[in-house]
Amino acid sequence: MRMQRYKKIKVIISGGGTGGHVFPAISIANALHQKIQEAEILFVGAKKKLEMKKVPEAGFKIIGLNIAGFQRGFYWKNLLLPFKIIDSLIKAKKIINEFNPDVVVGVGGYASGPILKIATAKKIPTVIQEQNSYPGITNRMLAAKVDKICVAHNGMDKYFPKDKIYLTGNPVRKDVVDLDGKRNAALTYFKLKPDRQTVLIVGGSLGAKSINEAIYGNLEMLVNNNIQLIWQTGRLFFAKASSLTLKYEQVKVYDFINHMDMAYAAADVVVSRAGAIAISEISAVKKPAIFVPSPNVAEDHQTKNALSLVNYKAALLVNDNNANNELGETIVNLVNDKHLQEKLIKNISGLGFLNAADRIAELIINTSKNNQ
């Protein structure tokens, strides 16, 4: 079996803060276990962040550091930051000394900083994974010292040493992007008609205010163009959207979609925020997409993520502040333009990675002390 090729290893995976960091990290851990069943994996995250809940739910052990980032503006919390950094470095050194990893992996987020800093100082092999087309500050700071850097986009040598870069793609949940033979079942699942174009609207797990308001304001136009919708609004907008759409049988409203594979399988066009994982999933399922990047993320990551596809003519972009005026018309134009849909599908097909977690796991194993 494939997993017998490798020696047993001990791996620390550090980082988190958002789902864009946490879920790829879990996918990488699962891929490591598929290759080396006896691999020991320890997560290190930031206390009170998403990883402290999601990692144990996935069956892995995690230790939390008392670390945080700089708060924009003058907040009293920033006065505590130097003490939190020192405390986290001390704890990171203790964790590494006790666990004695063969390789340390950083997935971005503030929690990866102290662990990677100690690991590189102790000459332990290190790998970082950058999900975005514009790297986060933690990974930019670590790049000079780590051994290998996994990226999801071309042109990352603008930010990282070229000889350390490996184009692997972002890990995506295989169950979400496996759409084979699901189209008819998906239309039945959502009670949609096969003779209409289906548009999937997603704004992240919490929804997206600008996207929701644009869909709400243009719903009659969309319906009049024979479009049916699967609309994930998030919790806050759900009641408002539901009250309006009761009279439209072709509009299906959800606060959260549990079966994203069914949603992707039913969709002809996707409207989405431009988080790294959303970009990777849409690329993997090869759907024509309109991205509305969130302006409320550090260093405008989402616009840069979207442009990494738009510049290859593999997706369309509507700026957040123009969504009310432009999104409805952009959807109608794309739905009615089969040639443009085919062009976007063709161009996005070469940008998706279905086996990214597998590639990254292989690279981690080959970097580790036990398998060099």
Protein backbone atom coordinates (compact mmCIF):
# COMPACT_ATOMS: atom_id res chain seq x y z
CA MET A 1 0.00 0.00 0.00
CA ARG A 2 1.09 3.54 -0.66
CA MET A 3 1.26 4.56 2.98
CA GLN A 4 3.94 1.88 3.66
CA ARG A 5 6.44 3.80 1.50
CA TYR A 6 6.98 6.33 4.25
CA LYS A 7 8.37 6.24 7.75
CA LYS A 8 6.17 7.35 10.63
CA ILE A 9 6.36 11.11 11.20
CA LYS A 10 5.31 13.70 13.77
CA VAL A 11 3.81 16.88 12.32
CA ILE A 12 2.77 20.19 13.87
CA ILE A 13 0.25 22.18 11.81
CA SER A 14 -0.04 25.77 13.01
CA GLY A 15 -2.25 28.70 12.14
CA GLY A 16 -5.93 29.47 11.66
CA GLY A 17 -8.23 32.30 12.61
CA THR A 18 -10.65 31.90 9.71
CA GLY A 19 -12.21 29.04 7.79
CA GLY A 20 -9.91 29.90 4.90
CA HIS A 21 -6.98 28.77 7.02
CA VAL A 22 -8.63 26.12 9.20
CA PHE A 23 -10.38 23.92 6.63
CA PRO A 24 -7.35 23.59 4.31
CA ALA A 25 -5.27 22.66 7.37
CA ILE A 26 -7.73 19.89 8.27
CA SER A 27 -7.71 18.66 4.66
CA ILE A 28 -3.91 18.48 4.76
CA ALA A 29 -4.00 16.55 8.05
CA ASN A 30 -6.48 14.06 6.59
CA ALA A 31 -4.28 13.60 3.51
CA LEU A 32 -1.26 12.96 5.74
CA HIS A 33 -3.19 10.25 7.59
CA GLN A 34 -4.18 8.64 4.30
CA LYS A 35 -0.50 8.33 3.39
CA ILE A 36 0.85 7.47 6.84
CA GLN A 37 -1.85 6.04 9.06
CA GLU A 38 0.36 6.24 12.16
CA ALA A 39 1.36 9.88 11.61
CA GLU A 40 1.15 11.94 14.80
CA ILE A 41 -0.41 15.31 14.09
CA LEU A 42 -0.71 18.18 16.55
CA PHE A 43 -2.44 21.44 15.71
CA VAL A 44 -1.45 24.76 17.28
CA GLY A 45 -3.95 27.61 16.97
CA ALA A 46 -5.03 30.84 18.61
CA LYS A 47 -7.24 30.71 21.69
CA LYS A 48 -10.92 31.58 21.13
CA LYS A 49 -10.58 31.28 17.34
CA LEU A 50 -12.43 28.98 14.94
CA GLU A 51 -9.73 26.30 14.93
CA MET A 52 -10.24 25.59 18.64
CA LYS A 53 -13.69 24.20 17.77
CA LYS A 54 -13.30 22.81 14.26
CA VAL A 55 -10.02 20.93 14.71
CA PRO A 56 -11.26 18.74 17.62
CA GLU A 57 -14.50 18.14 15.69
CA ALA A 58 -12.33 16.74 12.88
CA GLY A 59 -10.65 14.36 15.34
CA PHE A 60 -7.33 16.11 15.92
CA LYS A 61 -5.66 17.47 19.04
CA ILE A 62 -5.03 21.22 19.26
CA ILE A 63 -3.20 23.53 21.67
CA GLY A 64 -4.10 27.22 21.79
CA LEU A 65 -1.67 30.13 22.02
CA ASN A 66 -2.54 33.47 23.58
CA ILE A 67 -1.72 35.33 20.36
CA ALA A 68 -3.50 38.06 18.41
CA GLY A 69 -2.75 40.49 15.61
CA PHE A 70 -2.42 44.25 15.64
CA GLN A 71 -5.84 45.90 15.92
CA ARG A 72 -6.36 48.69 13.40
CA GLY A 73 -6.89 52.02 15.07
CA PHE A 74 -5.85 52.84 18.63
CA TYR A 75 -7.14 50.03 20.80
CA TRP A 76 -5.98 49.34 24.34
CA LYS A 77 -5.62 45.70 23.30
CA ASN A 78 -2.54 46.64 21.28
CA LEU A 79 -0.76 47.51 24.51
CA LEU A 80 -0.94 43.84 25.46
CA LEU A 81 0.38 42.59 22.12
CA PRO A 82 4.12 42.44 23.03
CA PHE A 83 3.29 40.42 26.14
CA LYS A 84 1.11 38.03 24.12
CA ILE A 85 3.88 37.53 21.57
CA ILE A 86 6.46 36.76 24.28
CA ASP A 87 4.04 34.41 26.04
CA SER A 88 3.27 32.62 22.74
CA LEU A 89 6.96 32.23 21.87
CA ILE A 90 7.66 30.68 25.27
CA LYS A 91 4.73 28.28 24.90
CA ALA A 92 5.68 27.50 21.28
CA LYS A 93 9.19 26.52 22.38
CA LYS A 94 7.73 24.26 25.09
CA ILE A 95 5.35 22.62 22.59
CA ILE A 96 8.13 21.93 20.08
CA ASN A 97 10.51 20.59 22.74
CA GLU A 98 7.87 18.22 24.12
CA PHE A 99 6.33 17.06 20.82
CA ASN A 100 9.66 16.94 18.91
CA PRO A 101 8.17 17.24 15.40
CA ASP A 102 9.84 15.97 12.22
CA VAL A 103 8.30 18.83 10.27
CA VAL A 104 6.29 21.97 11.10
CA VAL A 105 3.61 23.35 8.77
CA GLY A 106 2.15 26.87 8.82
CA VAL A 107 -1.16 27.62 7.11
CA GLY A 108 -1.26 31.35 7.80
CA GLY A 109 -2.81 33.33 10.61
CA TYR A 110 -1.09 34.75 13.68
CA ALA A 111 -0.77 31.41 15.49
CA SER A 112 1.66 30.11 12.89
CA GLY A 113 4.19 32.86 13.60
CA PRO A 114 5.58 31.77 17.01
CA ILE A 115 5.66 28.06 16.13
CA LEU A 116 7.43 28.61 12.79
CA LYS A 117 9.88 31.08 14.34
CA ILE A 118 10.95 28.53 16.98
CA ALA A 119 11.01 25.67 14.46
CA THR A 120 13.28 27.52 12.01
CA ALA A 121 15.60 28.56 14.85
CA LYS A 122 15.92 24.90 15.86
CA LYS A 123 16.56 23.84 12.22
CA ILE A 124 13.40 21.73 12.09
CA PRO A 125 12.12 21.33 8.48
CA THR A 126 9.31 23.78 7.76
CA VAL A 127 6.60 24.25 5.14
CA ILE A 128 4.07 27.06 4.77
CA GLN A 129 0.89 27.05 2.72
CA GLU A 130 -0.44 30.33 1.30
CA GLN A 131 -4.06 30.27 0.13
CA ASN A 132 -4.32 33.79 -1.30
CA SER A 133 -2.87 35.42 -4.39
CA TYR A 134 -1.55 38.18 -2.10
CA PRO A 135 0.18 36.62 0.92
CA GLY A 136 -0.79 37.41 4.48
CA ILE A 137 1.71 39.26 6.64
CA THR A 138 2.62 36.20 8.74
CA ASN A 139 3.63 34.12 5.73
CA ARG A 140 5.50 37.04 4.16
CA MET A 141 7.54 37.39 7.34
CA LEU A 142 8.26 33.66 7.53
CA ALA A 143 9.14 33.10 3.88
CA ALA A 144 12.86 33.85 4.15
CA LYS A 145 13.43 31.20 6.84
CA VAL A 146 11.15 28.28 5.91
CA ASP A 147 12.19 25.44 3.60
CA LYS A 148 9.22 25.18 1.20
CA ILE A 149 6.21 27.29 0.29
CA CYS A 150 3.00 25.85 -1.20
CA VAL A 151 0.95 28.31 -3.24
CA ALA A 152 -2.32 28.29 -5.16
CA HIS A 153 -1.60 30.98 -7.75
CA ASN A 154 0.97 31.76 -10.44
CA GLY A 155 3.30 34.75 -10.04
CA MET A 156 3.95 34.29 -6.32
CA ASP A 157 7.69 34.85 -6.83
CA LYS A 158 6.81 38.55 -6.44
CA TYR A 159 6.48 37.83 -2.72
CA PHE A 160 8.41 34.62 -2.01
CA PRO A 161 11.85 33.22 -2.95
CA LYS A 162 11.35 31.50 -6.30
CA ASP A 163 13.35 28.39 -5.43
CA LYS A 164 11.09 27.61 -2.46
CA ILE A 165 7.75 27.86 -4.30
CA TYR A 166 5.61 24.82 -5.17
CA LEU A 167 2.37 25.37 -7.10
CA THR A 168 0.00 22.92 -5.37
CA GLY A 169 -3.36 24.69 -5.31
CA ASN A 170 -5.57 25.06 -2.25
CA PRO A 171 -6.98 21.98 -0.54
CA VAL A 172 -10.71 21.65 -1.14
CA ARG A 173 -13.19 19.28 0.46
CA LYS A 174 -13.43 16.36 -1.96
CA ASP A 175 -17.05 15.65 -1.07
CA VAL A 176 -17.94 19.25 -2.05
CA VAL A 177 -16.33 19.22 -5.50
CA ASP A 178 -17.27 15.67 -6.55
CA LEU A 179 -20.22 16.43 -8.86
CA ASP A 180 -20.17 13.39 -11.13
CA GLY A 181 -23.70 12.28 -11.96
CA LYS A 182 -25.32 14.62 -9.43
CA ARG A 183 -26.94 17.21 -11.72
CA ASN A 184 -30.43 15.66 -11.94
CA ALA A 185 -30.44 14.64 -8.28
CA ALA A 186 -29.39 18.18 -7.32
CA LEU A 187 -32.22 19.81 -9.30
CA THR A 188 -34.66 17.43 -7.64
CA TYR A 189 -33.13 18.13 -4.21
CA PHE A 190 -33.70 21.90 -4.61
CA LYS A 191 -37.05 21.42 -6.41
CA LEU A 192 -35.78 23.22 -9.51
CA LYS A 193 -36.66 22.81 -13.19
CA PRO A 194 -34.13 21.39 -15.69
CA ASP A 195 -35.20 23.77 -18.49
CA ARG A 196 -34.18 26.93 -16.60
CA GLN A 197 -30.72 28.37 -15.90
CA THR A 198 -29.80 28.08 -12.23
CA VAL A 199 -27.76 30.71 -10.41
CA LEU A 200 -26.14 29.89 -7.07
CA ILE A 201 -25.69 32.90 -4.76
CA VAL A 202 -23.24 32.48 -1.86
CA GLY A 203 -21.64 35.11 0.34
CA GLY A 204 -19.76 32.93 2.79
CA SER A 205 -21.22 31.18 5.82
CA LEU A 206 -22.49 34.47 7.30
CA GLY A 207 -23.82 35.84 4.03
CA ALA A 208 -22.77 39.05 2.30
CA LYS A 209 -24.82 42.22 2.80
CA SER A 210 -24.05 43.82 -0.57
CA ILE A 211 -24.76 40.64 -2.55
CA ASN A 212 -27.98 39.98 -0.64
CA GLU A 213 -29.27 43.52 -1.13
CA ALA A 214 -28.40 43.43 -4.84
CA ILE A 215 -30.27 40.15 -5.34
CA TYR A 216 -33.20 41.41 -3.24
CA GLY A 217 -33.43 44.60 -5.30
CA ASN A 218 -33.13 42.82 -8.67
CA LEU A 219 -35.16 39.70 -7.94
CA GLU A 220 -38.06 40.54 -10.24
CA MET A 221 -35.69 41.19 -13.15
CA LEU A 222 -33.89 37.88 -12.53
CA VAL A 223 -37.12 35.90 -12.35
CA ASN A 224 -38.49 37.61 -15.47
CA ASN A 225 -35.40 36.37 -17.34
CA ASN A 226 -36.34 32.76 -16.59
CA ILE A 227 -33.63 32.41 -13.95
CA GLN A 228 -34.02 30.20 -10.90
CA LEU A 229 -31.95 30.83 -7.78
CA ILE A 230 -30.32 28.90 -4.96
CA TRP A 231 -29.67 31.75 -2.54
CA GLN A 232 -27.63 31.37 0.63
CA THR A 233 -28.31 34.55 2.57
CA GLY A 234 -26.67 33.90 5.93
CA ARG A 235 -28.60 34.12 9.17
CA LEU A 236 -29.11 37.90 9.34
CA PHE A 237 -30.76 38.34 5.93
CA PHE A 238 -32.70 35.08 5.85
CA ALA A 239 -36.04 36.33 7.22
CA LYS A 240 -36.13 39.34 4.89
CA ALA A 241 -35.30 37.25 1.82
CA SER A 242 -37.78 34.51 2.73
CA SER A 243 -40.66 36.96 3.13
CA LEU A 244 -40.17 38.33 -0.38
CA THR A 245 -39.53 35.05 -2.17
CA LEU A 246 -42.56 33.14 -0.93
CA LYS A 247 -44.36 34.13 -4.13
CA TYR A 248 -41.49 32.93 -6.39
CA GLU A 249 -41.35 29.15 -6.64
CA GLN A 250 -38.12 29.35 -8.63
CA VAL A 251 -36.23 31.08 -5.79
CA LYS A 252 -34.90 28.81 -3.03
CA VAL A 253 -33.61 30.64 0.03
CA TYR A 254 -31.34 29.15 2.72
CA ASP A 255 -29.54 30.69 5.64
CA PHE A 256 -26.83 28.04 5.16
CA ILE A 257 -26.37 25.30 2.57
CA ASN A 258 -25.22 22.03 4.12
CA HIS A 259 -24.78 20.15 0.84
CA MET A 260 -22.60 22.40 -1.29
CA ASP A 261 -21.90 19.59 -3.74
CA MET A 262 -25.61 19.58 -4.62
CA ALA A 263 -25.62 23.37 -4.94
CA TYR A 264 -22.63 23.37 -7.28
CA ALA A 265 -24.07 20.46 -9.29
CA ALA A 266 -27.36 22.30 -9.84
CA ALA A 267 -25.74 25.64 -10.71
CA ASP A 268 -25.07 26.95 -14.21
CA VAL A 269 -23.59 30.18 -12.83
CA VAL A 270 -22.18 31.03 -9.39
CA VAL A 271 -22.14 34.44 -7.66
CA SER A 272 -19.75 34.47 -4.72
CA ARG A 273 -17.40 36.35 -2.46
CA ALA A 274 -13.76 35.77 -3.40
CA GLY A 275 -12.25 34.05 -0.40
CA ALA A 276 -9.40 31.68 -1.22
CA ILE A 277 -11.44 28.53 -0.59
CA ALA A 278 -14.46 29.77 -2.57
CA ILE A 279 -12.13 30.55 -5.49
CA SER A 280 -10.56 27.10 -5.25
CA GLU A 281 -13.87 25.27 -5.04
CA ILE A 282 -15.40 27.15 -7.98
CA SER A 283 -12.25 26.52 -10.02
CA ALA A 284 -12.37 22.82 -9.15
CA VAL A 285 -16.03 22.45 -10.17
CA LYS A 286 -15.42 24.55 -13.32
CA LYS A 287 -18.41 26.89 -13.05
CA PRO A 288 -18.83 30.31 -14.71
CA ALA A 289 -18.54 32.75 -11.83
CA ILE A 290 -19.16 36.37 -10.89
CA PHE A 291 -17.07 37.41 -7.89
CA VAL A 292 -18.02 40.26 -5.58
CA PRO A 293 -14.93 40.63 -3.35
CA SER A 294 -15.46 41.65 0.24
CA PRO A 295 -13.84 45.01 1.04
CA ASN A 296 -13.66 44.11 4.73
CA VAL A 297 -10.60 41.85 4.67
CA ALA A 298 -6.95 42.56 5.38
CA GLU A 299 -4.97 44.06 2.50
CA ASP A 300 -7.91 43.61 0.10
CA HIS A 301 -7.08 39.90 -0.32
CA GLN A 302 -10.37 39.04 -2.00
CA THR A 303 -10.02 41.50 -4.86
CA LYS A 304 -6.53 40.17 -5.56
CA ASN A 305 -7.87 36.58 -5.41
CA ALA A 306 -10.63 37.41 -7.89
CA LEU A 307 -8.24 39.20 -10.24
CA SER A 308 -6.07 36.06 -10.35
CA LEU A 309 -8.96 34.53 -12.33
CA VAL A 310 -10.34 37.65 -14.03
CA ASN A 311 -6.91 38.42 -15.54
CA TYR A 312 -7.00 34.99 -17.21
CA LYS A 313 -10.55 35.72 -18.48
CA ALA A 314 -11.71 32.86 -16.26
CA ALA A 315 -14.30 34.80 -14.20
CA LEU A 316 -16.15 38.13 -13.98
CA LEU A 317 -15.84 40.72 -11.21
CA VAL A 318 -18.31 43.23 -9.76
CA ASN A 319 -16.94 45.63 -7.16
CA ASP A 320 -18.74 45.53 -3.82
CA ASN A 321 -19.78 49.19 -3.94
CA ASN A 322 -21.26 48.68 -7.43
CA ALA A 323 -23.20 45.51 -6.61
CA ASN A 324 -26.62 47.18 -6.29
CA ASN A 325 -26.33 48.78 -9.72
CA GLU A 326 -24.38 46.16 -11.65
CA LEU A 327 -24.80 42.65 -10.22
CA GLY A 328 -28.33 41.93 -11.47
CA GLU A 329 -27.55 42.99 -15.03
CA THR A 330 -24.23 41.10 -14.99
CA ILE A 331 -26.03 37.91 -13.93
CA VAL A 332 -28.67 38.27 -16.67
CA ASN A 333 -26.02 38.96 -19.33
CA LEU A 334 -23.95 35.93 -18.33
CA VAL A 335 -26.95 33.61 -18.10
CA ASN A 336 -28.04 34.67 -21.60
CA ASP A 337 -24.55 34.40 -23.12
CA LYS A 338 -23.73 30.72 -23.65
CA HIS A 339 -20.56 31.60 -25.53
CA LEU A 340 -19.22 33.60 -22.56
CA GLN A 341 -20.16 30.79 -20.18
CA GLU A 342 -18.22 28.30 -22.29
CA LYS A 343 -15.23 30.64 -22.45
CA LEU A 344 -15.17 31.07 -18.66
CA ILE A 345 -15.49 27.31 -18.14
CA LYS A 346 -12.64 26.61 -20.55
CA ASN A 347 -10.34 29.18 -18.94
CA ILE A 348 -11.12 28.26 -15.34
CA SER A 349 -10.66 24.54 -16.05
CA GLY A 350 -6.89 24.90 -16.18
CA LEU A 351 -6.71 26.73 -12.86
CA GLY A 352 -8.36 24.24 -10.50
CA PHE A 353 -6.52 21.62 -8.41
CA LEU A 354 -8.50 18.59 -7.28
CA ASN A 355 -5.59 16.91 -5.49
CA ALA A 356 -3.98 19.86 -3.71
CA ALA A 357 -4.14 18.32 -0.21
CA ASP A 358 -2.51 15.18 -1.58
CA ARG A 359 0.29 17.19 -3.22
CA ILE A 360 0.92 19.23 -0.07
CA ALA A 361 0.93 16.12 2.15
CA GLU A 362 3.48 14.47 -0.14
CA LEU A 363 5.69 17.55 -0.01
CA ILE A 364 5.42 17.73 3.79
CA ILE A 365 6.40 14.08 4.14
CA ASN A 366 9.38 14.45 1.81
CA THR A 367 10.50 17.56 3.72
CA SER A 368 10.34 15.86 7.13
CA LYS A 369 13.47 14.67 8.92
CA ASN A 370 12.40 11.03 8.71
CA ASN A 371 11.83 10.89 4.95
CA GLN A 372 14.59 13.02 3.45
